[in-house]
Amino acid sequence: MTKSTCIWRGCKETIELDTSFEESNPGQRLGISVAGWCDFHSKVYAKQTELFDKLDKKKHHSDTANYLYKNDRKAYNKIQREAIAIVKKEIK
């Protein structure tokens, strides 16, 4: 286990990562680098995925998210803020 910082932009939360595969021979040969999110941002990502999924049921949530990120950043950011607000409410 290794201590690291949550990779969510602007987050300074310290997290523990399981780097056993990264440090193994196959992991080193493949150039694996382990990163992660804190509990809060893991929940935000899950909620965001759920919200992107609801926008277009015919597409995978990542296709919808990627499209909005590239073509309508305002809509993407709105969904991200909504996910953060929902998770904050759930935590209280």
Protein backbone atom coordinates (compact mmCIF):
# COMPACT_ATOMS: atom_id res chain seq x y z
CA MET A 1 0.00 0.00 0.00
CA THR A 2 1.22 3.45 -0.92
CA LYS A 3 -0.06 6.86 0.08
CA SER A 4 -0.98 9.17 -2.79
CA THR A 5 -3.16 12.17 -3.53
CA CYS A 6 -6.59 11.87 -5.14
CA ILE A 7 -6.16 12.54 -8.87
CA TRP A 8 -9.40 14.55 -9.15
CA ARG A 9 -8.30 18.03 -10.22
CA GLY A 10 -7.90 20.31 -7.22
CA CYS A 11 -8.39 17.59 -4.59
CA LYS A 12 -5.70 17.27 -1.95
CA GLU A 13 -7.18 14.26 -0.10
CA THR A 14 -4.62 11.58 0.74
CA ILE A 15 -5.60 8.04 -0.27
CA GLU A 16 -4.04 4.60 -0.01
CA LEU A 17 -3.32 2.70 -3.21
CA ASP A 18 -2.62 -0.98 -3.69
CA THR A 19 0.52 -0.86 -5.83
CA SER A 20 1.29 -4.58 -5.68
CA PHE A 21 0.55 -5.14 -9.39
CA GLU A 22 2.39 -1.97 -10.37
CA GLU A 23 5.47 -3.24 -8.53
CA SER A 24 5.23 -6.79 -9.94
CA ASN A 25 7.28 -7.93 -12.95
CA PRO A 26 4.28 -7.97 -15.34
CA GLY A 27 3.19 -4.56 -14.06
CA GLN A 28 6.64 -3.11 -14.60
CA ARG A 29 6.91 -4.63 -18.09
CA LEU A 30 3.54 -3.15 -19.04
CA GLY A 31 4.38 0.22 -17.48
CA ILE A 32 1.33 0.18 -15.22
CA SER A 33 0.86 3.27 -13.07
CA VAL A 34 -1.72 3.11 -10.29
CA ALA A 35 -3.82 6.18 -9.46
CA GLY A 36 -7.14 6.69 -7.74
CA TRP A 37 -9.82 8.90 -6.27
CA CYS A 38 -10.83 9.57 -2.71
CA ASP A 39 -14.17 8.14 -1.52
CA PHE A 40 -16.01 11.40 -2.21
CA HIS A 41 -14.81 11.67 -5.81
CA SER A 42 -15.43 7.97 -6.44
CA LYS A 43 -19.06 8.58 -5.46
CA VAL A 44 -19.21 11.72 -7.63
CA TYR A 45 -17.90 9.76 -10.63
CA ALA A 46 -20.50 7.04 -10.08
CA LYS A 47 -23.30 9.62 -9.88
CA GLN A 48 -21.96 11.43 -12.95
CA THR A 49 -21.97 8.15 -14.86
CA GLU A 50 -25.58 7.62 -13.84
CA LEU A 51 -26.56 11.12 -15.02
CA PHE A 52 -24.76 10.78 -18.38
CA ASP A 53 -26.45 7.41 -18.83
CA LYS A 54 -29.90 9.01 -18.39
CA LEU A 55 -29.25 11.59 -21.14
CA ASP A 56 -29.16 9.06 -23.97
CA LYS A 57 -30.13 5.48 -23.22
CA LYS A 58 -29.03 4.35 -26.70
CA LYS A 59 -25.39 5.34 -26.08
CA HIS A 60 -22.84 4.25 -23.51
CA HIS A 61 -22.43 6.86 -20.78
CA SER A 62 -18.79 7.46 -21.75
CA ASP A 63 -19.78 8.29 -25.35
CA THR A 64 -22.24 10.88 -24.07
CA ALA A 65 -19.72 12.30 -21.60
CA ASN A 66 -16.95 12.48 -24.22
CA TYR A 67 -19.25 14.18 -26.71
CA LEU A 68 -20.33 16.81 -24.18
CA TYR A 69 -16.77 17.34 -22.95
CA LYS A 70 -15.57 18.05 -26.49
CA ASN A 71 -18.62 19.89 -27.87
CA ASP A 72 -20.62 21.38 -25.01
CA ARG A 73 -18.40 21.94 -21.99
CA LYS A 74 -21.10 24.05 -20.32
CA ALA A 75 -23.52 21.08 -20.29
CA TYR A 76 -20.74 18.72 -19.16
CA ASN A 77 -19.79 21.01 -16.27
CA LYS A 78 -23.45 21.40 -15.28
CA ILE A 79 -23.81 17.62 -14.94
CA GLN A 80 -20.57 17.43 -12.98
CA ARG A 81 -21.76 20.16 -10.57
CA GLU A 82 -25.11 18.38 -10.22
CA ALA A 83 -23.35 15.11 -9.36
CA ILE A 84 -21.22 16.87 -6.75
CA ALA A 85 -24.29 18.50 -5.19
CA ILE A 86 -26.18 15.19 -5.05
CA VAL A 87 -23.27 13.37 -3.39
CA LYS A 88 -22.80 16.19 -0.87
CA LYS A 89 -26.48 15.89 0.06
CA GLU A 90 -26.21 12.10 0.41
CA ILE A 91 -23.22 12.39 2.71
CA LYS A 92 -24.94 14.77 5.16
